[in-house]
Amino acid sequence: MFEEEKEKSRRRRNDLARMRTKARRIALRMFVDVRGCKRDELIDSFVRTHANNLARCSCSMCCNRRRSPYSKGDDKLTMQERRFVGGDEE
């Protein structure tokens, strides 16, 4: 019983470290200064606030196809909807 709890805790720590690493990679691409200097304060705050929520949102910058004002018609359909409209599904 105790080993299972330790394993769960270990897995949660590893998952959080993995998500923080991914958030740091994203932040490094976002917050690069014109001179090439990275803004450490912005990066650290981004990692703290976004490590658990890295999914794409519906804004035009993230470009979620279904909610983007730039997508029209069939571009807003999911792959399953495209197959159904195309006649591949029965």
Protein backbone atom coordinates (compact mmCIF):
# COMPACT_ATOMS: atom_id res chain seq x y z
CA MET A 1 0.00 0.00 0.00
CA PHE A 2 2.75 2.42 0.92
CA GLU A 3 4.71 1.62 -2.25
CA GLU A 4 1.68 2.45 -4.43
CA GLU A 5 1.35 5.86 -2.79
CA LYS A 6 5.05 6.52 -3.30
CA GLU A 7 4.74 5.53 -6.95
CA LYS A 8 1.77 7.88 -7.45
CA SER A 9 3.65 10.76 -5.83
CA ARG A 10 6.72 10.04 -7.94
CA ARG A 11 4.62 9.99 -11.10
CA ARG A 12 2.92 13.29 -10.21
CA ARG A 13 6.29 14.94 -9.60
CA ASN A 14 7.63 13.65 -12.91
CA ASP A 15 4.51 14.81 -14.77
CA LEU A 16 4.73 18.27 -13.24
CA ALA A 17 8.43 18.53 -14.15
CA ARG A 18 7.62 17.47 -17.72
CA MET A 19 4.82 20.05 -18.00
CA ARG A 20 7.05 22.78 -16.58
CA THR A 21 9.76 21.92 -19.12
CA LYS A 22 7.25 22.15 -21.94
CA ALA A 23 5.91 25.47 -20.62
CA ARG A 24 9.48 26.80 -20.40
CA ARG A 25 10.14 25.84 -24.05
CA ILE A 26 6.98 27.65 -25.12
CA ALA A 27 7.84 30.71 -23.04
CA LEU A 28 11.36 30.89 -24.47
CA ARG A 29 9.86 31.17 -27.95
CA MET A 30 7.29 33.75 -26.84
CA PHE A 31 9.36 36.12 -24.74
CA VAL A 32 12.49 36.80 -26.76
CA ASP A 33 13.64 40.38 -26.73
CA VAL A 34 14.55 42.20 -29.93
CA ARG A 35 18.20 42.08 -28.93
CA GLY A 36 17.96 38.34 -28.25
CA CYS A 37 17.92 38.67 -24.45
CA LYS A 38 15.33 36.55 -22.71
CA ARG A 39 13.13 38.05 -20.05
CA ASP A 40 13.56 35.74 -17.07
CA GLU A 41 10.79 37.23 -14.96
CA LEU A 42 8.19 36.80 -17.69
CA ILE A 43 9.35 33.27 -18.43
CA ASP A 44 9.22 32.23 -14.78
CA SER A 45 5.77 33.70 -14.25
CA PHE A 46 4.50 32.05 -17.45
CA VAL A 47 5.84 28.66 -16.30
CA ARG A 48 4.23 29.01 -12.88
CA THR A 49 0.84 29.99 -14.23
CA HIS A 50 0.62 27.86 -17.39
CA ALA A 51 2.35 24.58 -16.53
CA ASN A 52 -0.95 22.83 -15.78
CA ASN A 53 -2.88 24.42 -18.65
CA LEU A 54 -1.05 24.27 -21.97
CA ALA A 55 -4.03 23.43 -24.17
CA ARG A 56 -4.81 25.67 -27.10
CA CYS A 57 -7.46 28.25 -26.47
CA SER A 58 -9.92 29.74 -28.93
CA CYS A 59 -8.12 33.00 -29.56
CA SER A 60 -6.89 33.94 -33.02
CA MET A 61 -3.27 33.54 -31.94
CA CYS A 62 -3.69 29.87 -30.99
CA CYS A 63 -5.84 29.34 -34.07
CA ASN A 64 -8.35 26.79 -32.91
CA ARG A 65 -9.95 26.05 -36.29
CA ARG A 66 -13.47 25.60 -35.00
CA ARG A 67 -13.60 29.00 -33.31
CA SER A 68 -11.27 31.08 -35.44
CA PRO A 69 -12.88 33.89 -37.41
CA TYR A 70 -10.37 33.23 -40.21
CA SER A 71 -11.63 29.69 -40.94
CA LYS A 72 -14.59 29.27 -43.24
CA GLY A 73 -16.83 26.35 -44.23
CA ASP A 74 -15.20 22.92 -44.26
CA ASP A 75 -12.08 24.19 -42.48
CA LYS A 76 -14.07 24.37 -39.25
CA LEU A 77 -15.04 20.69 -39.36
CA THR A 78 -13.24 18.00 -37.41
CA MET A 79 -11.75 15.00 -39.21
CA GLN A 80 -14.71 12.84 -38.15
CA GLU A 81 -17.18 15.40 -39.48
CA ARG A 82 -15.27 15.66 -42.76
CA ARG A 83 -15.38 11.87 -43.22
CA PHE A 84 -19.10 11.80 -42.51
CA VAL A 85 -19.86 14.67 -44.91
CA GLY A 86 -17.58 13.12 -47.53
CA GLY A 87 -19.52 9.86 -47.44
CA ASP A 88 -16.78 7.57 -46.11
CA GLU A 89 -18.80 6.67 -43.00
CA GLU A 90 -21.94 4.56 -43.19
